[in-house]
Amino acid sequence: MKKLSLLFSVIIIFAYPLFVEARTIEEAEVRTAVLNWIHMGAPCGEKLGTQISDVKRYQGVNGGDIGYYLVTLAPNGWVVLPASDDYWPIQLFGASVAVVLSNE
């Protein structure tokens, strides 16, 4: 009986990840996540804006690269989030650095 339980446990541990897939995040979810994060308080002492002025999605170029969102804040600041729920939500942020990104 113990061998059967052990075998079943091993199968569950190794088979479970096969059925779990990352979900693509929609723009509305990105907006909600950023606003909630900002209203929790100034992260690392940065003086970030409290309103979202623009959300732009950048598609990944390699196979399997899901891309990311760049959220610009008003009056200043920006936040980068992955376009997948497989990663930590807030990847980068800043208040005083200009961000220039391109898909080229």
Protein backbone atom coordinates (compact mmCIF):
# COMPACT_ATOMS: atom_id res chain seq x y z
CA MET A 1 0.00 0.00 0.00
CA LYS A 2 2.85 2.38 0.84
CA LYS A 3 4.47 1.69 -2.54
CA LEU A 4 1.21 2.52 -4.31
CA SER A 5 0.86 5.77 -2.35
CA LEU A 6 4.44 6.71 -3.13
CA LEU A 7 3.97 5.93 -6.83
CA PHE A 8 0.78 8.00 -6.95
CA SER A 9 2.53 10.93 -5.21
CA VAL A 10 5.41 10.85 -7.68
CA ILE A 11 3.02 10.77 -10.64
CA ILE A 12 1.09 13.76 -9.26
CA ILE A 13 4.27 15.77 -8.61
CA PHE A 14 5.67 15.25 -12.10
CA ALA A 15 2.42 15.23 -14.09
CA TYR A 16 0.78 18.30 -12.53
CA PRO A 17 2.97 20.87 -14.36
CA LEU A 18 1.95 19.32 -17.69
CA PHE A 19 -1.62 20.54 -17.17
CA VAL A 20 -0.79 24.05 -15.95
CA GLU A 21 -0.41 26.79 -18.53
CA ALA A 22 0.35 30.47 -18.20
CA ARG A 23 -2.50 32.80 -19.04
CA THR A 24 -2.08 35.95 -21.11
CA ILE A 25 -2.92 39.08 -19.14
CA GLU A 26 -5.38 41.56 -20.65
CA GLU A 27 -4.95 45.34 -20.56
CA ALA A 28 -7.77 45.82 -18.03
CA GLU A 29 -6.00 43.48 -15.60
CA VAL A 30 -2.75 45.39 -16.11
CA ARG A 31 -4.46 48.70 -15.31
CA THR A 32 -6.02 47.25 -12.16
CA ALA A 33 -2.73 45.71 -10.99
CA VAL A 34 -0.78 48.94 -11.48
CA LEU A 35 -3.35 51.16 -9.77
CA ASN A 36 -3.62 48.80 -6.80
CA TRP A 37 0.18 48.63 -6.54
CA ILE A 38 0.56 52.42 -6.68
CA HIS A 39 -2.10 53.00 -4.02
CA MET A 40 -0.28 50.66 -1.62
CA GLY A 41 2.33 53.39 -1.16
CA ALA A 42 5.44 54.82 -2.80
CA PRO A 43 7.62 51.84 -3.74
CA CYS A 44 11.28 52.33 -2.74
CA GLY A 45 10.60 56.02 -2.11
CA GLU A 46 9.91 56.76 -5.80
CA LYS A 47 7.46 59.59 -6.47
CA LEU A 48 5.32 57.88 -9.09
CA GLY A 49 2.24 59.38 -10.68
CA THR A 50 -1.11 58.11 -9.46
CA GLN A 51 -2.95 58.02 -12.80
CA ILE A 52 -2.34 55.85 -15.86
CA SER A 53 -1.73 57.90 -18.98
CA ASP A 54 -0.99 55.07 -21.44
CA VAL A 55 -0.67 51.29 -21.66
CA LYS A 56 1.26 49.75 -24.54
CA ARG A 57 1.84 46.06 -25.20
CA TYR A 58 5.12 44.92 -26.72
CA GLN A 59 5.01 41.47 -28.29
CA GLY A 60 7.92 39.13 -27.77
CA VAL A 61 9.95 38.27 -30.85
CA ASN A 62 11.18 34.78 -29.98
CA GLY A 63 9.04 31.68 -29.83
CA GLY A 64 7.55 31.40 -26.37
CA ASP A 65 8.28 35.03 -25.44
CA ILE A 66 4.88 36.36 -24.39
CA GLY A 67 5.90 40.02 -24.32
CA TYR A 68 5.23 42.73 -21.77
CA TYR A 69 3.27 45.90 -21.03
CA LEU A 70 4.72 49.36 -20.54
CA VAL A 71 2.44 51.52 -18.41
CA THR A 72 3.21 55.24 -18.34
CA LEU A 73 1.92 57.20 -15.38
CA ALA A 74 0.81 60.81 -15.03
CA PRO A 75 2.36 63.16 -14.13
CA ASN A 76 5.51 61.00 -14.14
CA GLY A 77 6.68 57.43 -13.93
CA TRP A 78 6.44 54.10 -15.67
CA VAL A 79 5.90 50.44 -14.82
CA VAL A 80 6.75 47.27 -16.78
CA LEU A 81 4.66 44.13 -16.37
CA PRO A 82 4.89 40.78 -18.17
CA ALA A 83 1.96 39.87 -20.42
CA SER A 84 1.67 36.50 -18.67
CA ASP A 85 0.53 35.46 -15.22
CA ASP A 86 3.51 33.10 -15.11
CA TYR A 87 5.78 35.86 -13.76
CA TRP A 88 5.89 38.30 -10.85
CA PRO A 89 3.54 41.20 -11.78
CA ILE A 90 5.74 44.28 -11.38
CA GLN A 91 9.08 43.78 -13.14
CA LEU A 92 10.49 47.32 -13.37
CA PHE A 93 9.40 50.81 -12.40
CA GLY A 94 10.79 54.30 -12.22
CA ALA A 95 9.88 57.94 -11.84
CA SER A 96 12.61 59.96 -13.48
CA VAL A 97 14.11 57.84 -16.23
CA ALA A 98 12.82 58.23 -19.77
CA VAL A 99 11.84 54.94 -21.38
CA VAL A 100 12.17 54.46 -25.14
CA LEU A 101 11.22 51.02 -26.41
CA SER A 102 10.84 49.65 -29.89
CA ASN A 103 9.64 46.44 -31.52
CA GLU A 104 12.23 46.88 -34.28
